[in-house]
Amino acid sequence: MSSLRYSFRCLRDFRATATGQTRSSVYIKTKATTTSSRSRRTFSTTTTRQEDGLDRLERAIKMSPAAAELQITYARPMPTSPSYFSRHVQFNDSFVLVQDLARKYARLPTVPPGQAERVAWKTKEQYRLAVGEAVKARDFSACIGLVKRLHQIHPDLMPEEVKEGIRPFKRAINVYLNTPKPIPIDKFGRSHGVGRRKSSVARAWLVEGTGEVLINGKTLNDAFGRVHDRESALWGLKTMERMDKYNVWALVEGGGTTGQAEALAMAIAKALAVHEPALKTPLRKAGCLTRDPRKVERKKAGHVKARKMPAWVKR
């Protein structure tokens, strides 16, 4: 009721202000006296206030018996999400929800990561395409870490709100059907492997033989002049002690000698794992099957190189 009275008062003042400029603020009052025939003039700076429709409506509401129950709701639209005015609405809502769930159910028992249900999580690029927002890598990494921590809660004790909270970060695929394609050995007894490093790509074919190596039709010494590159190219065969058991025929392209040598090492290791699957774990521990994602950092504008800045000169 008080808000209604205040609204009417504001409207009345606004109406008086709007119309007060057109009326004359000064009028002359003539006062006649019986004792004197001379008229006396006085000046006043206020106007006579006339009752308008708003005053009559306010008085009628005050006198009505249902005035106490009368409530006026504000018509201002409010956003449904507190992140409405932020850049990443959906991600911020999901991040806040995941943080609240992680804080609320932090004491529930968990299972080891190997015993949890297998789930394919969305990558940063996939999540950006799904929500249509340019989410930062740092924020997404922190959020997906909490999501994986919530996923380790015991399945029998996991609440429904946790399942709903981590659902936007799951990929809609059956992980048990996502099996790697087996690399066959052709009729000539050759296995094929592909390796990459920086901008270099290497394709290697491995067949049982006496240890001969041909790279782009050249011998190992002609293809790589540095000793370090020669050892890097055959690192998988050397660690597994298979230097004299297989012949290697490879094609490399792109990049420099270092990138080509490390790409060739990965290709030879993959082809060797096809011939002897038992060597896959030792080759992975030796670092031959792991793709090295490091690349040369690009030069930036205003920098001498990728990180180096020009020398500062006072004048």
Protein backbone atom coordinates (compact mmCIF):
# COMPACT_ATOMS: atom_id res chain seq x y z
CA MET A 1 0.00 0.00 0.00
CA SER A 2 2.84 2.37 0.86
CA SER A 3 4.41 1.77 -2.55
CA LEU A 4 1.10 2.63 -4.24
CA ARG A 5 0.81 5.90 -2.31
CA TYR A 6 4.40 6.78 -3.20
CA SER A 7 3.70 6.10 -6.88
CA PHE A 8 0.65 8.37 -6.87
CA ARG A 9 2.60 11.09 -5.06
CA CYS A 10 5.39 10.93 -7.67
CA LEU A 11 2.88 11.11 -10.51
CA ARG A 12 1.10 14.05 -8.88
CA ASP A 13 4.32 15.97 -8.38
CA PHE A 14 5.38 15.21 -11.94
CA ARG A 15 2.05 16.47 -13.25
CA ALA A 16 2.24 19.61 -11.20
CA THR A 17 5.78 20.26 -12.37
CA ALA A 18 4.88 19.74 -16.01
CA THR A 19 1.85 22.07 -15.93
CA GLY A 20 3.21 24.58 -13.48
CA GLN A 21 5.38 26.28 -16.08
CA THR A 22 2.38 27.19 -18.25
CA ARG A 23 0.44 28.68 -15.40
CA SER A 24 1.30 32.01 -13.94
CA SER A 25 3.19 31.65 -10.70
CA VAL A 26 2.34 35.12 -9.56
CA TYR A 27 -1.15 36.53 -9.29
CA ILE A 28 -2.48 39.69 -7.80
CA LYS A 29 -4.95 39.54 -4.97
CA THR A 30 -7.10 42.51 -4.33
CA LYS A 31 -8.32 43.02 -0.79
CA ALA A 32 -11.11 45.43 -0.21
CA THR A 33 -11.58 46.86 3.22
CA THR A 34 -14.70 48.44 4.59
CA THR A 35 -12.83 51.09 6.47
CA SER A 36 -10.86 52.34 3.50
CA SER A 37 -11.87 52.93 -0.06
CA ARG A 38 -8.28 52.37 -1.27
CA SER A 39 -7.54 48.81 -2.58
CA ARG A 40 -4.47 46.94 -1.30
CA ARG A 41 -2.48 44.66 -3.62
CA THR A 42 -0.42 41.70 -2.35
CA PHE A 43 1.88 39.29 -4.26
CA SER A 44 2.05 35.52 -3.71
CA THR A 45 4.53 33.01 -5.23
CA THR A 46 2.32 29.92 -4.82
CA THR A 47 -0.55 28.66 -6.92
CA THR A 48 -3.79 27.27 -5.71
CA ARG A 49 -3.70 23.52 -5.94
CA GLN A 50 -6.73 21.92 -7.54
CA GLU A 51 -7.79 18.36 -6.93
CA ASP A 52 -7.15 16.17 -9.95
CA GLY A 53 -8.10 12.63 -10.90
CA LEU A 54 -5.08 11.07 -9.16
CA ASP A 55 -6.05 12.63 -5.83
CA ARG A 56 -9.58 11.34 -6.13
CA LEU A 57 -8.33 7.87 -7.00
CA GLU A 58 -5.92 7.86 -4.05
CA ARG A 59 -8.67 8.93 -1.65
CA ALA A 60 -10.99 6.24 -2.98
CA ILE A 61 -8.33 3.55 -2.47
CA LYS A 62 -7.72 4.71 1.10
CA MET A 63 -11.41 4.52 1.92
CA SER A 64 -11.98 1.11 0.33
CA PRO A 65 -12.02 -1.91 2.72
CA ALA A 66 -9.76 -3.99 0.46
CA ALA A 67 -6.95 -1.43 0.48
CA ALA A 68 -4.87 -3.43 2.96
CA GLU A 69 -4.86 -6.50 0.71
CA LEU A 70 -4.03 -4.54 -2.42
CA GLN A 71 -0.51 -5.33 -3.65
CA ILE A 72 1.22 -3.88 -6.68
CA THR A 73 3.93 -5.98 -8.33
CA TYR A 74 6.90 -4.42 -10.04
CA ALA A 75 6.86 -4.78 -13.80
CA ARG A 76 10.65 -4.63 -14.23
CA PRO A 77 11.87 -7.70 -16.18
CA MET A 78 14.54 -9.71 -14.39
CA PRO A 79 16.92 -12.13 -16.18
CA THR A 80 16.55 -15.77 -15.22
CA SER A 81 20.30 -16.28 -15.00
CA PRO A 82 22.71 -14.25 -12.82
CA SER A 83 25.23 -14.55 -15.68
CA TYR A 84 22.90 -12.84 -18.16
CA PHE A 85 25.15 -9.79 -18.56
CA SER A 86 28.39 -11.79 -18.77
CA ARG A 87 30.15 -12.98 -21.91
CA HIS A 88 29.67 -16.71 -21.27
CA VAL A 89 26.17 -17.26 -19.92
CA GLN A 90 25.81 -21.03 -20.24
CA PHE A 91 29.38 -21.82 -19.23
CA ASN A 92 29.27 -19.55 -16.17
CA ASP A 93 26.02 -21.11 -15.01
CA SER A 94 27.44 -24.60 -15.45
CA PHE A 95 30.70 -23.65 -13.74
CA VAL A 96 28.90 -22.17 -10.71
CA LEU A 97 26.66 -25.22 -10.48
CA VAL A 98 29.63 -27.61 -10.63
CA GLN A 99 31.46 -25.62 -7.95
CA ASP A 100 28.42 -25.75 -5.66
CA LEU A 101 28.02 -29.49 -6.20
CA ALA A 102 31.72 -30.13 -5.55
CA ARG A 103 31.51 -28.15 -2.31
CA LYS A 104 28.26 -29.81 -1.24
CA TYR A 105 29.21 -33.44 -1.94
CA ALA A 106 32.92 -33.27 -1.22
CA ARG A 107 32.66 -35.84 1.59
CA LEU A 108 30.89 -38.58 -0.36
CA PRO A 109 33.00 -41.73 -0.90
CA THR A 110 34.68 -42.06 -4.27
CA VAL A 111 36.05 -44.88 -6.40
CA PRO A 112 39.50 -45.03 -8.02
CA PRO A 113 39.71 -43.47 -11.49
CA GLY A 114 40.25 -46.86 -13.10
CA GLN A 115 37.05 -48.27 -11.59
CA ALA A 116 34.78 -45.35 -12.50
CA GLU A 117 32.42 -45.59 -15.46
CA ARG A 118 34.13 -44.88 -18.76
CA VAL A 119 32.99 -41.54 -20.15
CA ALA A 120 34.08 -39.56 -23.20
CA TRP A 121 34.38 -35.93 -22.11
CA LYS A 122 34.06 -33.00 -24.48
CA THR A 123 37.19 -31.17 -25.45
CA LYS A 124 37.47 -27.40 -25.27
CA GLU A 125 36.74 -27.01 -28.98
CA GLN A 126 33.76 -29.37 -28.83
CA TYR A 127 32.30 -27.54 -25.84
CA ARG A 128 32.75 -24.19 -27.58
CA LEU A 129 30.82 -25.45 -30.59
CA ALA A 130 28.11 -26.94 -28.36
CA VAL A 131 27.37 -23.76 -26.37
CA GLY A 132 28.48 -21.20 -28.95
CA GLU A 133 30.75 -19.34 -26.51
CA ALA A 134 34.50 -18.65 -26.67
CA VAL A 135 35.37 -20.23 -23.32
CA LYS A 136 38.91 -19.65 -22.07
CA ALA A 137 41.18 -22.66 -21.79
CA ARG A 138 42.06 -21.94 -18.15
CA ASP A 139 38.43 -21.72 -17.04
CA PHE A 140 37.45 -24.84 -18.98
CA SER A 141 40.35 -26.81 -17.52
CA ALA A 142 39.34 -25.87 -13.97
CA CYS A 143 35.71 -26.76 -14.66
CA ILE A 144 36.43 -30.12 -16.28
CA GLY A 145 38.69 -31.00 -13.34
CA LEU A 146 35.76 -30.54 -10.94
CA VAL A 147 33.49 -32.49 -13.28
CA LYS A 148 35.86 -35.46 -13.29
CA ARG A 149 36.11 -35.27 -9.50
CA LEU A 150 32.31 -35.44 -9.22
CA HIS A 151 32.25 -38.35 -11.65
CA GLN A 152 34.38 -40.39 -9.24
CA ILE A 153 31.62 -40.42 -6.61
CA HIS A 154 30.41 -43.94 -5.91
CA PRO A 155 27.66 -44.80 -8.43
CA ASP A 156 25.30 -46.05 -5.70
CA LEU A 157 25.60 -42.78 -3.77
CA MET A 158 25.73 -40.26 -6.64
CA PRO A 159 22.78 -37.80 -6.37
CA GLU A 160 20.62 -36.99 -9.36
CA GLU A 161 21.61 -33.33 -9.34
CA VAL A 162 25.25 -34.35 -9.78
CA LYS A 163 24.35 -36.46 -12.80
CA GLU A 164 22.44 -33.55 -14.30
CA GLY A 165 25.26 -31.11 -13.53
CA ILE A 166 27.97 -33.08 -15.34
CA ARG A 167 25.80 -34.12 -18.29
CA PRO A 168 26.58 -31.02 -20.47
CA PHE A 169 30.27 -32.04 -20.47
CA LYS A 170 29.71 -35.60 -21.76
CA ARG A 171 29.90 -36.66 -25.37
CA ALA A 172 26.89 -38.49 -26.76
CA ILE A 173 28.77 -41.59 -27.88
CA ASN A 174 29.17 -45.14 -26.66
CA VAL A 175 32.73 -45.36 -25.40
CA TYR A 176 32.66 -49.16 -25.50
CA LEU A 177 32.14 -49.07 -29.27
CA ASN A 178 35.00 -46.60 -29.74
CA THR A 179 37.77 -49.15 -30.21
CA PRO A 180 41.00 -48.47 -32.14
CA LYS A 181 41.20 -49.86 -35.63
CA PRO A 182 43.68 -52.73 -35.91
CA ILE A 183 46.57 -52.15 -38.29
CA PRO A 184 46.92 -55.27 -40.45
CA ILE A 185 50.03 -56.78 -41.96
CA ASP A 186 49.77 -56.97 -45.74
CA LYS A 187 50.50 -59.99 -47.91
CA PHE A 188 54.16 -58.98 -48.20
CA GLY A 189 54.61 -59.04 -44.44
CA ARG A 190 54.83 -55.25 -44.13
CA SER A 191 53.35 -53.13 -41.33
CA HIS A 192 52.63 -49.47 -41.81
CA GLY A 193 53.00 -46.61 -39.33
CA VAL A 194 52.56 -42.82 -39.49
CA GLY A 195 54.35 -40.34 -37.23
CA ARG A 196 54.26 -36.56 -36.89
CA ARG A 197 56.46 -33.98 -35.21
CA LYS A 198 56.19 -30.19 -35.64
CA SER A 199 55.37 -29.80 -39.34
CA SER A 200 57.02 -33.08 -40.43
CA VAL A 201 55.16 -36.22 -41.46
CA ALA A 202 56.80 -39.65 -41.77
CA ARG A 203 55.41 -42.91 -43.16
CA ALA A 204 57.33 -46.08 -42.44
CA TRP A 205 56.95 -49.68 -43.60
CA LEU A 206 58.54 -52.42 -41.51
CA VAL A 207 59.31 -55.93 -42.71
CA GLU A 208 61.46 -58.69 -41.26
CA GLY A 209 64.98 -58.56 -42.64
CA THR A 210 68.60 -57.82 -41.82
CA GLY A 211 68.41 -54.21 -40.58
CA GLU A 212 68.58 -52.21 -43.82
CA VAL A 213 67.16 -48.64 -43.69
CA LEU A 214 66.10 -46.49 -46.66
CA ILE A 215 64.68 -43.00 -46.14
CA ASN A 216 63.39 -41.28 -49.28
CA GLY A 217 65.59 -43.66 -51.26
CA LYS A 218 68.73 -42.70 -49.27
CA THR A 219 70.65 -44.47 -46.60
CA LEU A 220 70.45 -43.36 -42.99
CA ASN A 221 73.81 -41.57 -43.13
CA ASP A 222 72.86 -39.68 -46.28
CA ALA A 223 69.40 -38.72 -45.03
CA PHE A 224 70.56 -37.39 -41.63
CA GLY A 225 73.97 -35.82 -41.26
CA ARG A 226 73.84 -35.40 -37.48
CA VAL A 227 74.47 -38.38 -35.24
CA HIS A 228 71.74 -37.28 -32.89
CA ASP A 229 69.14 -37.38 -35.68
CA ARG A 230 70.25 -40.88 -36.71
CA GLU A 231 69.85 -42.18 -33.16
CA SER A 232 66.48 -40.45 -32.80
CA ALA A 233 65.12 -42.00 -36.00
CA LEU A 234 65.86 -45.57 -34.89
CA TRP A 235 65.28 -45.06 -31.17
CA GLY A 236 62.38 -47.54 -31.02
CA LEU A 237 64.35 -50.36 -32.64
CA LYS A 238 67.41 -49.61 -30.52
CA THR A 239 65.61 -49.65 -27.16
CA MET A 240 63.82 -52.89 -28.02
CA GLU A 241 67.02 -54.44 -29.41
CA ARG A 242 65.52 -55.09 -32.86
CA MET A 243 68.11 -53.30 -35.01
CA ASP A 244 69.08 -56.40 -37.01
CA LYS A 245 65.66 -58.01 -37.25
CA TYR A 246 63.64 -55.60 -39.42
CA ASN A 247 64.15 -53.63 -42.62
CA VAL A 248 62.79 -50.07 -42.74
CA TRP A 249 61.57 -48.19 -45.80
CA ALA A 250 60.29 -44.69 -45.05
CA LEU A 251 59.07 -41.50 -46.69
CA VAL A 252 59.45 -38.21 -44.82
CA GLU A 253 58.41 -34.70 -45.79
CA GLY A 254 58.05 -31.25 -44.28
CA GLY A 255 60.00 -29.50 -41.57
CA GLY A 256 63.67 -29.88 -40.82
CA THR A 257 65.95 -32.79 -40.02
CA THR A 258 65.14 -32.83 -36.31
CA GLY A 259 61.39 -32.91 -36.89
CA GLN A 260 61.72 -35.55 -39.59
CA ALA A 261 63.89 -37.78 -37.40
CA GLU A 262 61.49 -37.65 -34.44
CA ALA A 263 58.48 -38.19 -36.70
CA LEU A 264 60.23 -41.21 -38.22
CA ALA A 265 60.90 -42.62 -34.75
CA MET A 266 57.18 -42.51 -33.97
CA ALA A 267 56.25 -44.13 -37.30
CA ILE A 268 58.76 -46.97 -36.83
CA ALA A 269 57.53 -47.59 -33.28
CA LYS A 270 53.92 -47.86 -34.45
CA ALA A 271 54.88 -50.29 -37.20
CA LEU A 272 56.94 -52.33 -34.72
CA ALA A 273 53.98 -52.57 -32.33
CA VAL A 274 51.97 -54.18 -35.14
CA HIS A 275 54.51 -56.96 -35.59
CA GLU A 276 54.97 -57.48 -31.85
CA PRO A 277 51.97 -56.20 -29.81
CA ALA A 278 53.73 -57.16 -26.56
CA LEU A 279 56.20 -54.32 -27.16
CA LYS A 280 53.51 -51.64 -27.11
CA THR A 281 53.83 -50.91 -23.38
CA PRO A 282 57.66 -50.75 -23.37
CA LEU A 283 57.59 -48.52 -26.44
CA ARG A 284 55.11 -46.19 -24.76
CA LYS A 285 57.27 -46.00 -21.64
CA ALA A 286 60.26 -45.19 -23.83
CA GLY A 287 58.33 -42.25 -25.31
CA CYS A 288 58.20 -43.58 -28.86
CA LEU A 289 54.40 -43.77 -29.19
CA THR A 290 53.59 -40.40 -27.60
CA ARG A 291 52.92 -37.52 -29.95
CA ASP A 292 54.99 -34.47 -29.00
CA PRO A 293 52.67 -31.44 -29.39
CA ARG A 294 55.37 -28.79 -29.00
CA LYS A 295 55.83 -26.41 -31.91
CA VAL A 296 57.73 -23.23 -32.63
CA GLU A 297 55.93 -20.29 -31.11
CA ARG A 298 54.89 -17.63 -33.58
CA LYS A 299 56.37 -14.16 -33.66
CA LYS A 300 54.22 -11.41 -32.19
CA ALA A 301 53.72 -7.87 -33.41
CA GLY A 302 56.00 -5.42 -31.62
CA HIS A 303 58.38 -8.21 -30.55
CA VAL A 304 61.74 -9.06 -32.01
CA LYS A 305 60.91 -12.77 -31.79
CA ALA A 306 58.23 -14.83 -30.10
CA ARG A 307 59.06 -13.52 -26.61
CA LYS A 308 61.97 -11.11 -27.02
CA MET A 309 61.12 -7.41 -26.78
CA PRO A 310 63.17 -4.58 -28.28
CA ALA A 311 65.57 -2.79 -25.96
CA TRP A 312 63.92 0.05 -24.08
CA VAL A 313 65.38 3.48 -24.85
CA LYS A 314 64.62 6.39 -22.60
CA ARG A 315 65.00 9.04 -25.32
